[in-house]
């Protein structure tokens, strides 16, 4: 990921990251999904959701408020 982007969400399934990405975009927060495919099964793997550092805390708050982030 490029400099200045911060990990705010990680999921085992890509669809979970897509849901979180959609929620952030609905709140005007730019985000980007990075797929982490399994080395043995490229179609399987985790996904990480990143946002700009200055939006990271707001993104986490939005995800918590939507029951997508449990810390």
N, C-alpha and C. Protein backbone atom coordinates (compact mmCIF):
# COMPACT_ATOMS: atom_id res chain seq x y z
N UNK A 1 0.85 -1.18 0.00
CA UNK A 1 0.00 0.00 0.00
C UNK A 1 0.89 1.23 0.00
N UNK A 2 0.40 2.29 -0.57
CA UNK A 2 1.18 3.52 -0.68
C UNK A 2 1.33 4.19 0.68
N UNK A 3 2.34 5.00 0.78
CA UNK A 3 2.62 5.74 2.01
C UNK A 3 1.44 6.66 2.34
N UNK A 4 1.13 6.74 3.61
CA UNK A 4 0.03 7.59 4.06
C UNK A 4 -1.30 6.86 4.21
N UNK A 5 -1.35 5.59 3.81
CA UNK A 5 -2.55 4.79 3.95
C UNK A 5 -2.41 3.89 5.17
N UNK A 6 -3.51 3.71 5.90
CA UNK A 6 -3.50 2.98 7.16
C UNK A 6 -4.53 1.84 7.11
N UNK A 7 -4.16 0.70 7.64
CA UNK A 7 -5.07 -0.44 7.72
C UNK A 7 -6.13 -0.15 8.78
N UNK A 8 -7.41 -0.25 8.38
CA UNK A 8 -8.50 -0.01 9.34
C UNK A 8 -9.42 -1.21 9.50
N UNK A 9 -9.29 -2.20 8.60
CA UNK A 9 -10.19 -3.35 8.66
C UNK A 9 -9.54 -4.52 7.95
N UNK A 10 -9.70 -5.70 8.50
CA UNK A 10 -9.19 -6.91 7.89
C UNK A 10 -10.26 -7.99 8.02
N UNK A 11 -10.41 -8.79 6.97
CA UNK A 11 -11.44 -9.82 6.97
C UNK A 11 -10.93 -11.10 6.31
N UNK A 12 -11.48 -12.21 6.73
CA UNK A 12 -11.12 -13.49 6.15
C UNK A 12 -11.70 -13.62 4.74
N UNK A 13 -12.89 -13.08 4.55
CA UNK A 13 -13.58 -13.15 3.27
C UNK A 13 -13.60 -11.77 2.61
N UNK A 14 -13.37 -11.74 1.32
CA UNK A 14 -13.33 -10.46 0.60
C UNK A 14 -14.66 -9.72 0.67
N UNK A 15 -15.77 -10.44 0.65
CA UNK A 15 -17.08 -9.77 0.67
C UNK A 15 -17.26 -8.94 1.94
N UNK A 16 -16.65 -9.37 3.06
CA UNK A 16 -16.74 -8.61 4.31
C UNK A 16 -16.04 -7.26 4.16
N UNK A 17 -14.88 -7.28 3.51
CA UNK A 17 -14.15 -6.03 3.27
C UNK A 17 -14.92 -5.13 2.31
N UNK A 18 -15.62 -5.72 1.34
CA UNK A 18 -16.41 -4.93 0.39
C UNK A 18 -17.57 -4.24 1.10
N UNK A 19 -18.19 -4.92 2.05
CA UNK A 19 -19.27 -4.31 2.83
C UNK A 19 -18.73 -3.12 3.61
N UNK A 20 -17.60 -3.33 4.30
CA UNK A 20 -16.99 -2.25 5.07
C UNK A 20 -16.59 -1.09 4.15
N UNK A 21 -16.06 -1.40 2.99
CA UNK A 21 -15.67 -0.39 2.01
C UNK A 21 -16.89 0.43 1.58
N UNK A 22 -18.00 -0.23 1.31
CA UNK A 22 -19.23 0.46 0.92
C UNK A 22 -19.73 1.39 2.02
N UNK A 23 -19.67 0.92 3.27
CA UNK A 23 -20.12 1.74 4.39
C UNK A 23 -19.25 2.99 4.51
N UNK A 24 -17.94 2.84 4.38
CA UNK A 24 -17.06 4.01 4.46
C UNK A 24 -17.34 4.98 3.33
N UNK A 25 -17.52 4.47 2.14
CA UNK A 25 -17.80 5.34 0.99
C UNK A 25 -19.13 6.08 1.17
N UNK A 26 -20.12 5.44 1.78
CA UNK A 26 -21.40 6.10 2.07
C UNK A 26 -21.22 7.27 3.03
N UNK A 27 -20.15 7.21 3.84
CA UNK A 27 -19.86 8.28 4.80
C UNK A 27 -18.79 9.23 4.26
N UNK A 28 -18.49 9.12 2.98
CA UNK A 28 -17.55 10.04 2.36
C UNK A 28 -16.09 9.79 2.69
N UNK A 29 -15.77 8.57 3.11
CA UNK A 29 -14.40 8.22 3.48
C UNK A 29 -13.80 7.36 2.38
N UNK A 30 -12.74 7.85 1.78
CA UNK A 30 -12.05 7.11 0.72
C UNK A 30 -11.35 5.90 1.32
N UNK A 31 -11.50 4.75 0.67
CA UNK A 31 -10.86 3.54 1.14
C UNK A 31 -10.49 2.66 -0.04
N UNK A 32 -9.63 1.69 0.22
CA UNK A 32 -9.14 0.81 -0.84
C UNK A 32 -8.94 -0.59 -0.28
N UNK A 33 -9.42 -1.60 -1.01
CA UNK A 33 -9.27 -3.00 -0.59
C UNK A 33 -8.01 -3.59 -1.22
N UNK A 34 -7.23 -4.28 -0.39
CA UNK A 34 -6.06 -5.01 -0.86
C UNK A 34 -6.31 -6.49 -0.56
N UNK A 35 -6.32 -7.29 -1.63
CA UNK A 35 -6.55 -8.73 -1.46
C UNK A 35 -5.25 -9.41 -1.07
N UNK A 36 -5.36 -10.37 -0.16
CA UNK A 36 -4.23 -11.15 0.31
C UNK A 36 -4.51 -12.62 0.00
N UNK A 37 -4.28 -13.04 -1.26
CA UNK A 37 -4.62 -14.41 -1.63
C UNK A 37 -3.75 -15.45 -0.94
N UNK A 38 -4.33 -16.60 -0.70
CA UNK A 38 -3.61 -17.74 -0.14
C UNK A 38 -2.62 -18.23 -1.20
N UNK A 39 -1.42 -18.59 -0.80
CA UNK A 39 -0.41 -19.02 -1.76
C UNK A 39 -0.77 -20.34 -2.45
N UNK A 40 -1.53 -21.18 -1.79
CA UNK A 40 -1.92 -22.46 -2.37
C UNK A 40 -3.21 -22.36 -3.19
N UNK A 41 -4.10 -21.47 -2.76
CA UNK A 41 -5.39 -21.32 -3.42
C UNK A 41 -5.63 -19.83 -3.68
N UNK A 42 -5.20 -19.30 -4.81
CA UNK A 42 -5.28 -17.86 -5.08
C UNK A 42 -6.69 -17.27 -5.02
N UNK A 43 -7.71 -18.08 -5.21
CA UNK A 43 -9.08 -17.55 -5.14
C UNK A 43 -9.57 -17.43 -3.72
N UNK A 44 -8.81 -17.93 -2.76
CA UNK A 44 -9.15 -17.87 -1.35
C UNK A 44 -8.14 -16.97 -0.65
N UNK A 45 -8.61 -16.23 0.32
CA UNK A 45 -7.67 -15.42 1.08
C UNK A 45 -8.34 -14.23 1.74
N UNK A 46 -7.58 -13.57 2.55
CA UNK A 46 -8.07 -12.43 3.32
C UNK A 46 -8.09 -11.16 2.46
N UNK A 47 -8.72 -10.14 2.99
CA UNK A 47 -8.74 -8.83 2.36
C UNK A 47 -8.55 -7.78 3.44
N UNK A 48 -7.79 -6.75 3.11
CA UNK A 48 -7.54 -5.66 4.04
C UNK A 48 -8.08 -4.37 3.45
N UNK A 49 -8.59 -3.52 4.32
CA UNK A 49 -9.17 -2.25 3.91
C UNK A 49 -8.32 -1.11 4.47
N UNK A 50 -7.88 -0.24 3.59
CA UNK A 50 -7.02 0.88 3.96
C UNK A 50 -7.72 2.20 3.69
N UNK A 51 -7.35 3.21 4.47
CA UNK A 51 -7.81 4.57 4.23
C UNK A 51 -6.65 5.51 4.53
N UNK A 52 -6.79 6.76 4.12
CA UNK A 52 -5.74 7.73 4.39
C UNK A 52 -5.61 7.95 5.90
N UNK A 53 -4.40 8.18 6.35
CA UNK A 53 -4.12 8.31 7.79
C UNK A 53 -5.02 9.34 8.47
N UNK A 54 -5.29 10.45 7.78
CA UNK A 54 -6.10 11.50 8.41
C UNK A 54 -7.57 11.11 8.56
N UNK A 55 -7.99 10.04 7.91
CA UNK A 55 -9.38 9.56 8.01
C UNK A 55 -9.50 8.27 8.81
N UNK A 56 -8.38 7.74 9.28
CA UNK A 56 -8.37 6.42 9.91
C UNK A 56 -9.26 6.34 11.15
N UNK A 57 -9.16 7.29 12.04
CA UNK A 57 -9.96 7.22 13.26
C UNK A 57 -11.45 7.37 12.97
N UNK A 58 -11.78 8.29 12.08
CA UNK A 58 -13.19 8.45 11.68
C UNK A 58 -13.69 7.16 11.03
N UNK A 59 -12.87 6.54 10.20
CA UNK A 59 -13.25 5.28 9.54
C UNK A 59 -13.52 4.20 10.58
N UNK A 60 -12.66 4.09 11.57
CA UNK A 60 -12.86 3.08 12.62
C UNK A 60 -14.15 3.35 13.39
N UNK A 61 -14.43 4.62 13.68
CA UNK A 61 -15.67 4.97 14.39
C UNK A 61 -16.90 4.57 13.57
N UNK A 62 -16.87 4.84 12.26
CA UNK A 62 -17.98 4.48 11.39
C UNK A 62 -18.16 2.97 11.36
N UNK A 63 -17.06 2.25 11.24
CA UNK A 63 -17.13 0.78 11.21
C UNK A 63 -17.65 0.22 12.53
N UNK A 64 -17.22 0.80 13.66
CA UNK A 64 -17.73 0.37 14.97
C UNK A 64 -19.23 0.65 15.07
N UNK A 65 -19.66 1.82 14.65
CA UNK A 65 -21.06 2.21 14.73
C UNK A 65 -21.96 1.30 13.88
N UNK A 66 -21.37 0.68 12.87
CA UNK A 66 -22.13 -0.22 12.00
C UNK A 66 -21.86 -1.68 12.32
N UNK A 67 -21.30 -1.92 13.50
CA UNK A 67 -21.02 -3.28 13.98
C UNK A 67 -20.15 -4.10 13.03
N UNK A 68 -19.24 -3.42 12.35
CA UNK A 68 -18.32 -4.10 11.45
C UNK A 68 -16.92 -4.25 12.05
N UNK A 69 -16.66 -3.49 13.09
CA UNK A 69 -15.35 -3.52 13.72
C UNK A 69 -15.51 -3.77 15.21
N UNK A 70 -14.92 -4.82 15.68
CA UNK A 70 -14.98 -5.16 17.10
C UNK A 70 -13.56 -5.13 17.62
N UNK A 71 -13.33 -4.30 18.61
CA UNK A 71 -11.98 -4.19 19.16
C UNK A 71 -12.00 -4.45 20.64
